[in-house]
Structures are given as structure tokens and as C-alpha cells.
Amino acid sequence: MTRKHTDLSLAEIGDLYKRDHSTVLYAIRVITKEISLKATVREQLELLSRKLSR
């Protein structure tokens, strides 16, 4: 969500969460896979995204 709703780089996002940029990239890949496999995950993220966009 941070990647989608900000212009921050992976390294900057990692700094926010006290993680390495490679950990952020791995998390993005895991979540992307979950979104494609599970409708409930996709729906929850879409709901959160809509709320953040307001």
C-alpha cells in the first residue's frame, strides 16, 4: 500500500519500516501473489486503497 500511495523508493519504504529494500520487494511479491490467488485479500486491499484515496 505504501508503494502504491506514495512516490517513495523501495529503500525509503524500507527505512520507514526499519527493513531492507529487498525485504520490501519480497513483501510486494508475496502480496501480489496473494491478491491473484485469494479474492478476500484483493477485496480487503481494494477497500483500504479506496479509503486512503479519499
C-alpha atoms as a PDB file:
ATOM      1  CA  MET A   1       0.000   0.000   0.000  1.00  0.00           C
ATOM      2  CA  THR A   2       2.851   2.358   0.777  1.00  0.00           C
ATOM      3  CA  ARG A   3       4.352   1.742  -2.648  1.00  0.00           C
ATOM      4  CA  LYS A   4       1.019   2.396  -4.363  1.00  0.00           C
ATOM      5  CA  HIS A   5       0.090   5.531  -2.450  1.00  0.00           C
ATOM      6  CA  THR A   6       3.463   7.303  -2.261  1.00  0.00           C
ATOM      7  CA  ASP A   7       6.355   8.164  -4.526  1.00  0.00           C
ATOM      8  CA  LEU A   8       8.861   6.614  -2.118  1.00  0.00           C
ATOM      9  CA  SER A   9      11.577   4.297  -3.369  1.00  0.00           C
ATOM     10  CA  LEU A  10      11.910   0.760  -2.033  1.00  0.00           C
ATOM     11  CA  ALA A  11      14.835   1.907   0.104  1.00  0.00           C
ATOM     12  CA  GLU A  12      12.796   4.776   1.575  1.00  0.00           C
ATOM     13  CA  ILE A  13       9.877   2.453   2.328  1.00  0.00           C
ATOM     14  CA  GLY A  14      12.306   0.054   3.957  1.00  0.00           C
ATOM     15  CA  ASP A  15      13.620   2.873   6.136  1.00  0.00           C
ATOM     16  CA  LEU A  16      10.059   3.679   7.261  1.00  0.00           C
ATOM     17  CA  TYR A  17       9.526   0.124   8.468  1.00  0.00           C
ATOM     18  CA  LYS A  18      13.139  -0.443   9.542  1.00  0.00           C
ATOM     19  CA  ARG A  19      13.625  -3.060   6.824  1.00  0.00           C
ATOM     20  CA  ASP A  20      15.956  -3.515   3.877  1.00  0.00           C
ATOM     21  CA  HIS A  21      14.734  -2.626   0.373  1.00  0.00           C
ATOM     22  CA  SER A  22      14.990  -6.316  -0.590  1.00  0.00           C
ATOM     23  CA  THR A  23      12.556  -7.206   2.201  1.00  0.00           C
ATOM     24  CA  VAL A  24      10.128  -4.622   0.845  1.00  0.00           C
ATOM     25  CA  LEU A  25      10.464  -6.084  -2.646  1.00  0.00           C
ATOM     26  CA  TYR A  26       9.867  -9.597  -1.302  1.00  0.00           C
ATOM     27  CA  ALA A  27       6.756  -8.414   0.560  1.00  0.00           C
ATOM     28  CA  ILE A  28       5.412  -6.794  -2.616  1.00  0.00           C
ATOM     29  CA  ARG A  29       5.887 -10.075  -4.487  1.00  0.00           C
ATOM     30  CA  VAL A  30       4.166 -12.093  -1.730  1.00  0.00           C
ATOM     31  CA  ILE A  31       1.186  -9.737  -1.551  1.00  0.00           C
ATOM     32  CA  THR A  32       0.874  -9.606  -5.344  1.00  0.00           C
ATOM     33  CA  LYS A  33       0.707 -13.394  -5.424  1.00  0.00           C
ATOM     34  CA  GLU A  34      -1.856 -13.480  -2.608  1.00  0.00           C
ATOM     35  CA  ILE A  35      -4.000 -10.928  -4.459  1.00  0.00           C
ATOM     36  CA  SER A  36      -4.058 -13.131  -7.536  1.00  0.00           C
ATOM     37  CA  LEU A  37      -4.916 -16.263  -5.539  1.00  0.00           C
ATOM     38  CA  LYS A  38      -7.353 -15.001  -2.914  1.00  0.00           C
ATOM     39  CA  ALA A  39     -10.332 -12.799  -3.633  1.00  0.00           C
ATOM     40  CA  THR A  40     -10.720 -11.847   0.038  1.00  0.00           C
ATOM     41  CA  VAL A  41      -7.190 -10.432   0.159  1.00  0.00           C
ATOM     42  CA  ARG A  42      -7.803  -8.480  -3.046  1.00  0.00           C
ATOM     43  CA  GLU A  43     -11.129  -7.135  -1.744  1.00  0.00           C
ATOM     44  CA  GLN A  44      -9.640  -6.029   1.569  1.00  0.00           C
ATOM     45  CA  LEU A  45      -6.746  -4.245  -0.127  1.00  0.00           C
ATOM     46  CA  GLU A  46      -9.113  -2.567  -2.587  1.00  0.00           C
ATOM     47  CA  LEU A  47     -11.255  -1.350   0.324  1.00  0.00           C
ATOM     48  CA  LEU A  48      -8.227   0.033   2.151  1.00  0.00           C
ATOM     49  CA  SER A  49      -6.950   1.645  -1.028  1.00  0.00           C
ATOM     50  CA  ARG A  50     -10.279   3.385  -1.628  1.00  0.00           C
ATOM     51  CA  LYS A  51     -10.288   4.702   1.943  1.00  0.00           C
ATOM     52  CA  LEU A  52      -6.753   6.030   1.586  1.00  0.00           C
ATOM     53  CA  SER A  53      -7.609   7.767  -1.682  1.00  0.00           C
ATOM     54  CA  ARG A  54     -10.356   9.881  -0.139  1.00  0.00           C
END
